[in-house]
């Protein structure tokens, strides 16, 4: 199946995998850190991003006709997550998460077109 996928879709699949993983790691990190790291809106954005990346990945892997719609939602979730991560400055984990979320959002936006 991998051979029939466009380069853009293959990249988006990889970005979704990476973003899902970093969000899950960041959730665990935030729970340990406490304080600003566990604010409700921040935790919601991390959870939404992680789950939407997994769903988006699944839809693309099975070449669902709904992939474009799901990719659009995933891009929105990734951008929101990046924004909440960037609000916690001077934290390497948050900056890494934001960077990967923005990268994933960009490839999901391409797939949503």
Protein backbone atom coordinates (compact mmCIF):
# COMPACT_ATOMS: atom_id res chain seq x y z
CA UNK A 1 0.00 0.00 0.00
CA UNK A 2 2.84 2.37 0.85
CA UNK A 3 3.93 2.42 -2.81
CA UNK A 4 0.60 3.81 -4.00
CA UNK A 5 0.63 6.75 -1.60
CA UNK A 6 1.81 10.17 -2.63
CA UNK A 7 4.97 11.59 -1.09
CA UNK A 8 2.83 14.24 0.62
CA UNK A 9 0.61 11.59 2.22
CA UNK A 10 3.61 9.53 3.34
CA UNK A 11 5.10 12.65 4.94
CA UNK A 12 1.80 13.51 6.61
CA UNK A 13 1.51 9.98 7.99
CA UNK A 14 5.02 10.25 9.46
CA UNK A 15 4.28 13.71 10.88
CA UNK A 16 1.09 12.41 12.51
CA UNK A 17 3.03 9.52 14.07
CA UNK A 18 5.69 11.89 15.38
CA UNK A 19 3.17 14.42 16.65
CA UNK A 20 1.07 11.78 18.39
CA UNK A 21 4.19 10.46 20.13
CA UNK A 22 5.47 13.85 21.24
CA UNK A 23 2.04 14.88 22.55
CA UNK A 24 1.81 11.68 24.60
CA UNK A 25 5.31 12.29 25.99
CA UNK A 26 4.43 15.91 26.70
CA UNK A 27 1.24 14.93 28.55
CA UNK A 28 3.32 12.74 30.88
CA UNK A 29 5.89 15.51 31.25
CA UNK A 30 3.21 18.09 32.09
CA UNK A 31 1.59 15.84 34.69
CA UNK A 32 4.96 15.55 36.42
CA UNK A 33 5.70 19.28 36.15
CA UNK A 34 2.34 20.50 37.49
CA UNK A 35 1.47 24.19 37.77
CA UNK A 36 0.92 25.96 34.44
CA UNK A 37 1.71 22.71 32.65
CA UNK A 38 -1.55 21.11 33.83
CA UNK A 39 -3.95 23.96 33.11
CA UNK A 40 -7.18 22.55 31.68
CA UNK A 41 -6.97 24.30 28.29
CA UNK A 42 -3.37 23.17 27.79
CA UNK A 43 -4.09 19.55 28.72
CA UNK A 44 -7.19 19.54 26.49
CA UNK A 45 -5.17 20.81 23.53
CA UNK A 46 -2.51 18.13 24.07
CA UNK A 47 -5.13 15.38 24.31
CA UNK A 48 -7.06 16.68 21.29
CA UNK A 49 -3.91 16.91 19.22
CA UNK A 50 -2.67 13.46 20.19
CA UNK A 51 -5.97 11.78 19.46
CA UNK A 52 -6.67 13.66 16.24
CA UNK A 53 -3.20 12.71 14.94
CA UNK A 54 -3.93 9.05 15.63
CA UNK A 55 -7.34 9.23 13.95
CA UNK A 56 -5.93 11.15 10.98
CA UNK A 57 -3.17 8.57 10.61
CA UNK A 58 -5.69 5.72 10.63
CA UNK A 59 -7.91 7.41 8.02
CA UNK A 60 -4.97 8.05 5.69
CA UNK A 61 -3.60 4.51 6.06
CA UNK A 62 -6.90 3.04 4.91
CA UNK A 63 -7.30 5.72 2.22
CA UNK A 64 -10.67 6.81 3.59
CA UNK A 65 -12.71 9.27 1.52
CA UNK A 66 -13.06 11.25 4.76
CA UNK A 67 -9.29 11.74 5.08
CA UNK A 68 -9.39 15.32 3.81
CA UNK A 69 -11.96 16.35 6.42
CA UNK A 70 -10.12 14.56 9.22
CA UNK A 71 -6.82 16.14 8.14
CA UNK A 72 -8.43 19.58 8.37
CA UNK A 73 -9.59 18.94 11.94
CA UNK A 74 -6.17 17.52 12.81
CA UNK A 75 -4.44 20.63 11.45
CA UNK A 76 -6.65 22.81 13.67
CA UNK A 77 -5.94 20.65 16.73
CA UNK A 78 -2.20 20.76 16.05
CA UNK A 79 -2.18 24.55 15.72
CA UNK A 80 -4.10 24.98 18.98
CA UNK A 81 -1.70 22.64 20.73
CA UNK A 82 1.32 24.52 19.37
CA UNK A 83 -0.13 27.79 20.67
CA UNK A 84 -0.73 26.48 24.19
CA UNK A 85 2.73 24.91 24.29
CA UNK A 86 4.34 28.18 23.18
CA UNK A 87 2.69 30.03 26.07
CA UNK A 88 4.88 28.06 28.47
CA UNK A 89 8.17 29.67 27.50
CA UNK A 90 11.67 28.64 28.55
CA UNK A 91 10.72 24.97 28.47
CA UNK A 92 12.48 22.75 25.94
CA UNK A 93 9.79 20.05 25.97
CA UNK A 94 7.06 22.62 25.26
CA UNK A 95 9.06 24.20 22.43
CA UNK A 96 9.78 20.80 20.88
CA UNK A 97 6.11 19.86 21.08
CA UNK A 98 5.07 23.17 19.51
CA UNK A 99 7.55 22.75 16.65
CA UNK A 100 6.39 19.22 15.82
CA UNK A 101 2.73 20.27 16.10
CA UNK A 102 3.29 23.11 13.62
CA UNK A 103 5.06 20.74 11.23
CA UNK A 104 2.18 18.28 11.44
CA UNK A 105 -0.41 21.04 11.00
CA UNK A 106 1.32 22.18 7.84
CA UNK A 107 1.31 18.73 6.23
CA UNK A 108 -2.29 18.09 7.34
CA UNK A 109 -3.34 21.41 5.78
CA UNK A 110 -1.80 20.25 2.50
CA UNK A 111 -3.68 16.96 2.67
CA UNK A 112 -6.96 18.73 3.51
CA UNK A 113 -6.97 20.64 0.20
